[in-house]
Structure formats: structure tokens, C-alpha cells
Amino acid sequence: MKTITKSSILSVSLAAALLITPFSSVSHADAVTNEQNGASVSLDTSSANSNFVSDDFHAPVVMTEEDFARAQRATVNEFVSPEDIRKNSGGITIMSDIFYSFSGLGAGRSIQSNQSVTTTKNTDIYLTLVQYNNYGNPPTGTYYLKNLNTGNMTSGKSVSGNYDHESKTLGWTNVLPGKYVVYIENTGKSELEGNGFVNAFYNYD
């Protein structure tokens, strides 16, 4: 399993490395149609969940047409550089419980993390991740923060391709207060695998 090491510029409040061994998760199977890029693409999800393994997420669920429509509005490979994080993280660091690892997430499925981070005022939140597919097919994952208090989702950030030798970071700035989990959708055509962690900073009065 490929894992990511936390850069020292992110936060001294977090451990030096991320290494999580996943456990089995039971889920169900259905069929779904993906209407991305103006074309209807049938995804074979009859056994999409049978390979899913993680102890850090709820069982995968089938994405709806509304989910796919929302994912189409996501930005693609909009990464935050370590320099930007260093420059923008001058506020108070918030302890985050979100450390995750998963494998075998089938196409057209979504998962929600068990762990969360709670904020009491507007916050910058960063998700550092790797994602890949061991069978050589470049995956696509779309990432959100979901507010458990309201059910609202942040804007989506899509990551297209294998990123397994170097971690990438996504950022949401000025996020409203609340209890947030990581929400991941497999919007590609192949299984998705990855791991990551969340850092958060109070940068606003």
C-alpha cells in the first residue's frame, strides 16, 4: 500500500506520517448510469462494492444523477502548493481526527468518512491525499467536505490521474463553522484507491 508522509509545514500538531491498515466493510451492489461530458456511460457496478476495504468510511452508496451533475461542476486538479499553505496557515491550528485509507471503491460509488473535524468559526481546511488504481487505469475521484450539522457540501474538487509517488493537497478557504467529514465520489470508470488526512486553520476573526 502506498502511503503519504505529512509535510512539516502543515502542522506540528499532527504526527509525522500516515499509515493506516484498512479492514473489511460490508456493502451492497446496484447499477448506475453516468452522464458525464454530455454522454450517457453505463457503469458496471454489479460487483463494484465487493472489493471495497476500509475501516475509515461508511459503506459505499450508489451515486445518483444529482450527484453526477454536481460532480461535473467540480474543478479539476486544482492543487494547493506547500508554499501557499505555509503562507496562509498563520492562524490557530485545529486538531483533526480525519486520517483515512481505502481500496476497491467501485465506479459510480461514494463514501463518507467516519472521522470528522469540528470548527467554531470560519476556517481554512486542507485535504492532503494520494489516489491511484493498481491496474493501470487512471482513476478520477471527486472530493468534498460535508457539513454534518446542515447536510451541505462544499464545492467539489476533482482529481484525475494516479498520484501515488507524491501527495497532492486540496484546499477550501473560509469554510463556515460546523462538523465536517470527507466525502469522496468515484467519478471515473475504474476502481479508486487512496489515503489522506485533513488539516484545518482558523485564519479569520
C-alpha atoms as a PDB file:
ATOM      1  CA  MET A   1       0.000   0.000   0.000  1.00  0.00           C
ATOM      2  CA  LYS A   2       1.241   3.468  -0.883  1.00  0.00           C
ATOM      3  CA  THR A   3       1.080   5.994   1.971  1.00  0.00           C
ATOM      4  CA  ILE A   4       1.767   9.688   2.306  1.00  0.00           C
ATOM      5  CA  THR A   5       4.048  11.483   4.728  1.00  0.00           C
ATOM      6  CA  LYS A   6       2.827  14.689   6.291  1.00  0.00           C
ATOM      7  CA  SER A   7       4.939  17.698   5.448  1.00  0.00           C
ATOM      8  CA  SER A   8       6.280  19.563   8.474  1.00  0.00           C
ATOM      9  CA  ILE A   9       4.939  22.814   7.082  1.00  0.00           C
ATOM     10  CA  LEU A  10       1.350  21.739   7.578  1.00  0.00           C
ATOM     11  CA  SER A  11       1.101  21.411  11.344  1.00  0.00           C
ATOM     12  CA  VAL A  12       3.225  20.423  14.301  1.00  0.00           C
ATOM     13  CA  SER A  13       0.084  19.185  15.987  1.00  0.00           C
ATOM     14  CA  LEU A  14      -0.081  16.140  13.698  1.00  0.00           C
ATOM     15  CA  ALA A  15       2.125  13.064  13.640  1.00  0.00           C
ATOM     16  CA  ALA A  16       4.992  12.718  11.175  1.00  0.00           C
ATOM     17  CA  ALA A  17       3.496  10.030   8.941  1.00  0.00           C
ATOM     18  CA  LEU A  18       0.217   8.468   7.857  1.00  0.00           C
ATOM     19  CA  LEU A  19      -0.017   4.695   7.795  1.00  0.00           C
ATOM     20  CA  ILE A  20      -3.431   3.098   8.165  1.00  0.00           C
ATOM     21  CA  THR A  21      -4.251  -0.575   7.637  1.00  0.00           C
ATOM     22  CA  PRO A  22      -7.830  -0.927   6.382  1.00  0.00           C
ATOM     23  CA  PHE A  23     -10.356  -3.513   7.498  1.00  0.00           C
ATOM     24  CA  SER A  24     -13.269  -5.055   5.641  1.00  0.00           C
ATOM     25  CA  SER A  25     -16.511  -3.182   5.102  1.00  0.00           C
ATOM     26  CA  VAL A  26     -19.811  -4.775   4.060  1.00  0.00           C
ATOM     27  CA  SER A  27     -21.812  -3.098   1.305  1.00  0.00           C
ATOM     28  CA  HIS A  28     -24.443  -3.727  -1.366  1.00  0.00           C
ATOM     29  CA  ALA A  29     -24.459  -3.540  -5.171  1.00  0.00           C
ATOM     30  CA  ASP A  30     -26.637  -1.805  -7.770  1.00  0.00           C
ATOM     31  CA  ALA A  31     -26.401  -0.368 -11.266  1.00  0.00           C
ATOM     32  CA  VAL A  32     -25.893   3.284 -12.177  1.00  0.00           C
ATOM     33  CA  THR A  33     -25.639   5.405 -15.305  1.00  0.00           C
ATOM     34  CA  ASN A  34     -23.028   8.152 -15.524  1.00  0.00           C
ATOM     35  CA  GLU A  35     -23.968  11.074 -17.770  1.00  0.00           C
ATOM     36  CA  GLN A  36     -20.666  12.927 -17.794  1.00  0.00           C
ATOM     37  CA  ASN A  37     -19.473  15.111 -20.665  1.00  0.00           C
ATOM     38  CA  GLY A  38     -22.894  15.095 -22.252  1.00  0.00           C
ATOM     39  CA  ALA A  39     -22.843  11.349 -22.941  1.00  0.00           C
ATOM     40  CA  SER A  40     -24.557   8.500 -21.175  1.00  0.00           C
ATOM     41  CA  VAL A  41     -21.987   5.988 -19.966  1.00  0.00           C
ATOM     42  CA  SER A  42     -23.188   2.775 -18.374  1.00  0.00           C
ATOM     43  CA  LEU A  43     -21.030   1.734 -15.436  1.00  0.00           C
ATOM     44  CA  ASP A  44     -20.866  -1.908 -14.465  1.00  0.00           C
ATOM     45  CA  THR A  45     -21.358  -1.699 -10.710  1.00  0.00           C
ATOM     46  CA  SER A  46     -22.962  -5.103 -10.161  1.00  0.00           C
ATOM     47  CA  SER A  47     -19.922  -6.102  -8.111  1.00  0.00           C
ATOM     48  CA  ALA A  48     -18.474  -2.627  -7.575  1.00  0.00           C
ATOM     49  CA  ASN A  49     -18.600  -2.868  -3.808  1.00  0.00           C
ATOM     50  CA  SER A  50     -17.278  -6.392  -3.386  1.00  0.00           C
ATOM     51  CA  ASN A  51     -13.658  -5.178  -3.397  1.00  0.00           C
ATOM     52  CA  PHE A  52     -14.120  -2.199  -1.064  1.00  0.00           C
ATOM     53  CA  VAL A  53     -11.939  -2.337   2.040  1.00  0.00           C
ATOM     54  CA  SER A  54     -11.683   0.344   4.726  1.00  0.00           C
ATOM     55  CA  ASP A  55     -12.253   0.871   8.413  1.00  0.00           C
ATOM     56  CA  ASP A  56     -12.394   4.644   7.977  1.00  0.00           C
ATOM     57  CA  PHE A  57     -15.584   5.089   5.916  1.00  0.00           C
ATOM     58  CA  HIS A  58     -19.221   4.125   5.933  1.00  0.00           C
ATOM     59  CA  ALA A  59     -20.142   1.533   3.307  1.00  0.00           C
ATOM     60  CA  PRO A  60     -20.210   2.855  -0.285  1.00  0.00           C
ATOM     61  CA  VAL A  61     -23.508   4.030  -1.752  1.00  0.00           C
ATOM     62  CA  VAL A  62     -24.615   4.387  -5.366  1.00  0.00           C
ATOM     63  CA  MET A  63     -24.241   7.880  -6.813  1.00  0.00           C
ATOM     64  CA  THR A  64     -27.444   9.488  -8.092  1.00  0.00           C
ATOM     65  CA  GLU A  65     -27.935  11.567 -11.226  1.00  0.00           C
ATOM     66  CA  GLU A  66     -27.890  14.621  -8.959  1.00  0.00           C
ATOM     67  CA  ASP A  67     -24.505  13.503  -7.603  1.00  0.00           C
ATOM     68  CA  PHE A  68     -23.060  13.186 -11.106  1.00  0.00           C
ATOM     69  CA  ALA A  69     -24.470  16.572 -12.102  1.00  0.00           C
ATOM     70  CA  ARG A  70     -22.831  18.169  -9.059  1.00  0.00           C
ATOM     71  CA  ALA A  71     -19.529  16.438  -9.818  1.00  0.00           C
ATOM     72  CA  GLN A  72     -19.495  17.925 -13.319  1.00  0.00           C
ATOM     73  CA  ARG A  73     -19.226  21.365 -11.715  1.00  0.00           C
ATOM     74  CA  ALA A  74     -16.129  20.407  -9.744  1.00  0.00           C
ATOM     75  CA  THR A  75     -12.768  21.986 -10.518  1.00  0.00           C
ATOM     76  CA  VAL A  76     -10.146  19.564 -11.878  1.00  0.00           C
ATOM     77  CA  ASN A  77      -6.664  19.088 -10.361  1.00  0.00           C
ATOM     78  CA  GLU A  78      -6.833  22.420  -8.514  1.00  0.00           C
ATOM     79  CA  PHE A  79      -3.995  21.690  -6.124  1.00  0.00           C
ATOM     80  CA  VAL A  80      -2.615  23.885  -3.341  1.00  0.00           C
ATOM     81  CA  SER A  81       1.161  24.223  -3.123  1.00  0.00           C
ATOM     82  CA  PRO A  82       3.087  23.786   0.170  1.00  0.00           C
ATOM     83  CA  GLU A  83       4.164  27.416  -0.177  1.00  0.00           C
ATOM     84  CA  ASP A  84       0.546  28.572  -0.282  1.00  0.00           C
ATOM     85  CA  ILE A  85      -0.303  26.522   2.797  1.00  0.00           C
ATOM     86  CA  ARG A  86       2.666  27.928   4.673  1.00  0.00           C
ATOM     87  CA  LYS A  87       1.690  31.459   3.695  1.00  0.00           C
ATOM     88  CA  ASN A  88      -1.994  31.056   4.567  1.00  0.00           C
ATOM     89  CA  SER A  89      -1.758  28.957   7.729  1.00  0.00           C
ATOM     90  CA  GLY A  90      -0.806  31.685  10.159  1.00  0.00           C
ATOM     91  CA  GLY A  91      -3.870  31.145  12.303  1.00  0.00           C
ATOM     92  CA  ILE A  92      -4.638  28.675  15.070  1.00  0.00           C
ATOM     93  CA  THR A  93      -4.323  25.010  14.127  1.00  0.00           C
ATOM     94  CA  ILE A  94      -7.397  22.850  14.757  1.00  0.00           C
ATOM     95  CA  MET A  95      -6.884  19.238  15.741  1.00  0.00           C
ATOM     96  CA  SER A  96      -8.396  16.962  13.092  1.00  0.00           C
ATOM     97  CA  ASP A  97      -9.381  13.328  13.558  1.00  0.00           C
ATOM     98  CA  ILE A  98      -9.560  12.668   9.820  1.00  0.00           C
ATOM     99  CA  PHE A  99      -6.951  10.129   8.739  1.00  0.00           C
ATOM    100  CA  TYR A 100      -8.192   7.642   6.159  1.00  0.00           C
ATOM    101  CA  SER A 101      -7.298   4.780   3.857  1.00  0.00           C
ATOM    102  CA  PHE A 102      -9.438   2.776   1.431  1.00  0.00           C
ATOM    103  CA  SER A 103      -9.209   0.477  -1.567  1.00  0.00           C
ATOM    104  CA  GLY A 104     -11.547  -1.005  -4.154  1.00  0.00           C
ATOM    105  CA  LEU A 105     -14.092   1.841  -4.385  1.00  0.00           C
ATOM    106  CA  GLY A 106     -16.134   0.971  -7.454  1.00  0.00           C
ATOM    107  CA  ALA A 107     -17.093   3.382 -10.230  1.00  0.00           C
ATOM    108  CA  GLY A 108     -20.216   5.395  -9.517  1.00  0.00           C
ATOM    109  CA  ARG A 109     -19.923   4.999  -5.742  1.00  0.00           C
ATOM    110  CA  SER A 110     -19.459   7.483  -2.900  1.00  0.00           C
ATOM    111  CA  ILE A 111     -18.118   7.159   0.627  1.00  0.00           C
ATOM    112  CA  GLN A 112     -18.224   9.324   3.752  1.00  0.00           C
ATOM    113  CA  SER A 113     -15.520   9.305   6.428  1.00  0.00           C
ATOM    114  CA  ASN A 114     -16.229   8.118   9.943  1.00  0.00           C
ATOM    115  CA  GLN A 115     -13.889  10.710  11.428  1.00  0.00           C
ATOM    116  CA  SER A 116     -14.618  14.437  11.419  1.00  0.00           C
ATOM    117  CA  VAL A 117     -13.192  17.860  12.206  1.00  0.00           C
ATOM    118  CA  THR A 118     -15.255  20.433  14.142  1.00  0.00           C
ATOM    119  CA  THR A 119     -14.839  24.184  13.738  1.00  0.00           C
ATOM    120  CA  THR A 120     -16.478  27.050  15.633  1.00  0.00           C
ATOM    121  CA  LYS A 121     -15.699  29.850  13.198  1.00  0.00           C
ATOM    122  CA  ASN A 122     -14.671  30.311   9.568  1.00  0.00           C
ATOM    123  CA  THR A 123     -11.732  28.077   8.734  1.00  0.00           C
ATOM    124  CA  ASP A 124      -9.284  27.052   6.003  1.00  0.00           C
ATOM    125  CA  ILE A 125      -9.357  23.278   5.574  1.00  0.00           C
ATOM    126  CA  TYR A 126      -6.799  21.264   3.574  1.00  0.00           C
ATOM    127  CA  LEU A 127      -7.015  17.656   2.416  1.00  0.00           C
ATOM    128  CA  THR A 128      -3.681  16.014   1.553  1.00  0.00           C
ATOM    129  CA  LEU A 129      -4.087  12.780  -0.393  1.00  0.00           C
ATOM    130  CA  VAL A 130      -2.817  10.146  -2.740  1.00  0.00           C
ATOM    131  CA  GLN A 131      -5.055   8.244  -5.156  1.00  0.00           C
ATOM    132  CA  TYR A 132      -4.341   5.519  -7.674  1.00  0.00           C
ATOM    133  CA  ASN A 133      -5.533   2.390  -9.434  1.00  0.00           C
ATOM    134  CA  ASN A 134      -3.292  -0.668  -9.263  1.00  0.00           C
ATOM    135  CA  TYR A 135      -4.498  -1.975 -12.612  1.00  0.00           C
ATOM    136  CA  GLY A 136      -3.040   0.888 -14.635  1.00  0.00           C
ATOM    137  CA  ASN A 137      -6.303   2.697 -15.429  1.00  0.00           C
ATOM    138  CA  PRO A 138      -6.058   6.369 -14.372  1.00  0.00           C
ATOM    139  CA  PRO A 139      -8.795   6.981 -11.779  1.00  0.00           C
ATOM    140  CA  THR A 140     -10.903  10.060 -11.106  1.00  0.00           C
ATOM    141  CA  GLY A 141     -12.040  10.967  -7.611  1.00  0.00           C
ATOM    142  CA  THR A 142     -14.145  13.961  -6.623  1.00  0.00           C
ATOM    143  CA  TYR A 143     -13.646  15.271  -3.099  1.00  0.00           C
ATOM    144  CA  TYR A 144     -15.897  17.363  -0.840  1.00  0.00           C
ATOM    145  CA  LEU A 145     -16.263  18.419   2.758  1.00  0.00           C
ATOM    146  CA  LYS A 146     -19.733  17.654   4.096  1.00  0.00           C
ATOM    147  CA  ASN A 147     -21.228  19.599   6.997  1.00  0.00           C
ATOM    148  CA  LEU A 148     -22.985  17.058   9.207  1.00  0.00           C
ATOM    149  CA  ASN A 149     -24.927  19.811  11.001  1.00  0.00           C
ATOM    150  CA  THR A 150     -26.595  21.093   7.835  1.00  0.00           C
ATOM    151  CA  GLY A 151     -26.009  18.376   5.233  1.00  0.00           C
ATOM    152  CA  ASN A 152     -24.458  20.973   2.932  1.00  0.00           C
ATOM    153  CA  MET A 153     -21.419  20.165   0.796  1.00  0.00           C
ATOM    154  CA  THR A 154     -18.519  22.401  -0.155  1.00  0.00           C
ATOM    155  CA  SER A 155     -17.627  22.856  -3.807  1.00  0.00           C
ATOM    156  CA  GLY A 156     -16.269  19.685  -5.376  1.00  0.00           C
ATOM    157  CA  LYS A 157     -12.625  19.220  -6.313  1.00  0.00           C
ATOM    158  CA  SER A 158     -11.919  16.518  -8.870  1.00  0.00           C
ATOM    159  CA  VAL A 159      -8.564  14.744  -9.017  1.00  0.00           C
ATOM    160  CA  SER A 160      -7.859  12.973 -12.302  1.00  0.00           C
ATOM    161  CA  GLY A 161      -4.962  10.544 -12.622  1.00  0.00           C
ATOM    162  CA  ASN A 162      -2.630   8.445 -10.487  1.00  0.00           C
ATOM    163  CA  TYR A 163      -0.927  10.340  -7.676  1.00  0.00           C
ATOM    164  CA  ASP A 164       0.923   7.711  -5.690  1.00  0.00           C
ATOM    165  CA  HIS A 165       4.557   8.800  -5.580  1.00  0.00           C
ATOM    166  CA  GLU A 166       3.807  12.359  -4.456  1.00  0.00           C
ATOM    167  CA  SER A 167       0.885  13.576  -2.364  1.00  0.00           C
ATOM    168  CA  LYS A 168      -1.376  16.398  -3.528  1.00  0.00           C
ATOM    169  CA  THR A 169      -3.335  18.884  -1.430  1.00  0.00           C
ATOM    170  CA  LEU A 170      -6.807  20.333  -1.996  1.00  0.00           C
ATOM    171  CA  GLY A 171      -7.980  23.407  -0.113  1.00  0.00           C
ATOM    172  CA  TRP A 172     -11.242  25.063   0.890  1.00  0.00           C
ATOM    173  CA  THR A 173     -10.949  28.580   2.317  1.00  0.00           C
ATOM    174  CA  ASN A 174     -13.265  30.497   4.642  1.00  0.00           C
ATOM    175  CA  VAL A 175     -15.353  27.384   5.365  1.00  0.00           C
ATOM    176  CA  LEU A 176     -18.343  28.066   7.611  1.00  0.00           C
ATOM    177  CA  PRO A 177     -18.389  26.640  11.161  1.00  0.00           C
ATOM    178  CA  GLY A 178     -19.575  23.083  11.614  1.00  0.00           C
ATOM    179  CA  LYS A 179     -18.715  19.413  11.946  1.00  0.00           C
ATOM    180  CA  TYR A 180     -17.147  18.220   8.689  1.00  0.00           C
ATOM    181  CA  VAL A 181     -16.382  14.825   7.176  1.00  0.00           C
ATOM    182  CA  VAL A 182     -14.582  13.949   3.954  1.00  0.00           C
ATOM    183  CA  TYR A 183     -16.928  12.850   1.162  1.00  0.00           C
ATOM    184  CA  ILE A 184     -15.411  11.062  -1.854  1.00  0.00           C
ATOM    185  CA  GLU A 185     -17.056  10.102  -5.133  1.00  0.00           C
ATOM    186  CA  ASN A 186     -15.536   7.760  -7.710  1.00  0.00           C
ATOM    187  CA  THR A 187     -16.486   9.636 -10.863  1.00  0.00           C
ATOM    188  CA  GLY A 188     -14.153   7.651 -13.129  1.00  0.00           C
ATOM    189  CA  LYS A 189     -14.569   4.291 -14.842  1.00  0.00           C
ATOM    190  CA  SER A 190     -12.158   2.212 -12.755  1.00  0.00           C
ATOM    191  CA  GLU A 191     -11.773   1.346  -9.092  1.00  0.00           C
ATOM    192  CA  LEU A 192     -10.311   4.022  -6.816  1.00  0.00           C
ATOM    193  CA  GLU A 193      -7.811   3.553  -4.002  1.00  0.00           C
ATOM    194  CA  GLY A 194      -6.098   6.065  -1.747  1.00  0.00           C
ATOM    195  CA  ASN A 195      -5.401   7.575   1.646  1.00  0.00           C
ATOM    196  CA  GLY A 196      -5.121  11.024   3.174  1.00  0.00           C
ATOM    197  CA  PHE A 197      -5.533  13.365   6.123  1.00  0.00           C
ATOM    198  CA  VAL A 198      -7.064  16.756   6.922  1.00  0.00           C
ATOM    199  CA  ASN A 199      -5.534  19.897   8.452  1.00  0.00           C
ATOM    200  CA  ALA A 200      -7.549  22.973   9.454  1.00  0.00           C
ATOM    201  CA  PHE A 201      -6.599  26.512  10.454  1.00  0.00           C
ATOM    202  CA  TYR A 202      -8.503  29.444  11.980  1.00  0.00           C
ATOM    203  CA  ASN A 203      -7.379  32.385   9.861  1.00  0.00           C
ATOM    204  CA  TYR A 204     -10.379  34.681  10.314  1.00  0.00           C
ATOM    205  CA  ASP A 205     -11.657  36.941  13.093  1.00  0.00           C
END
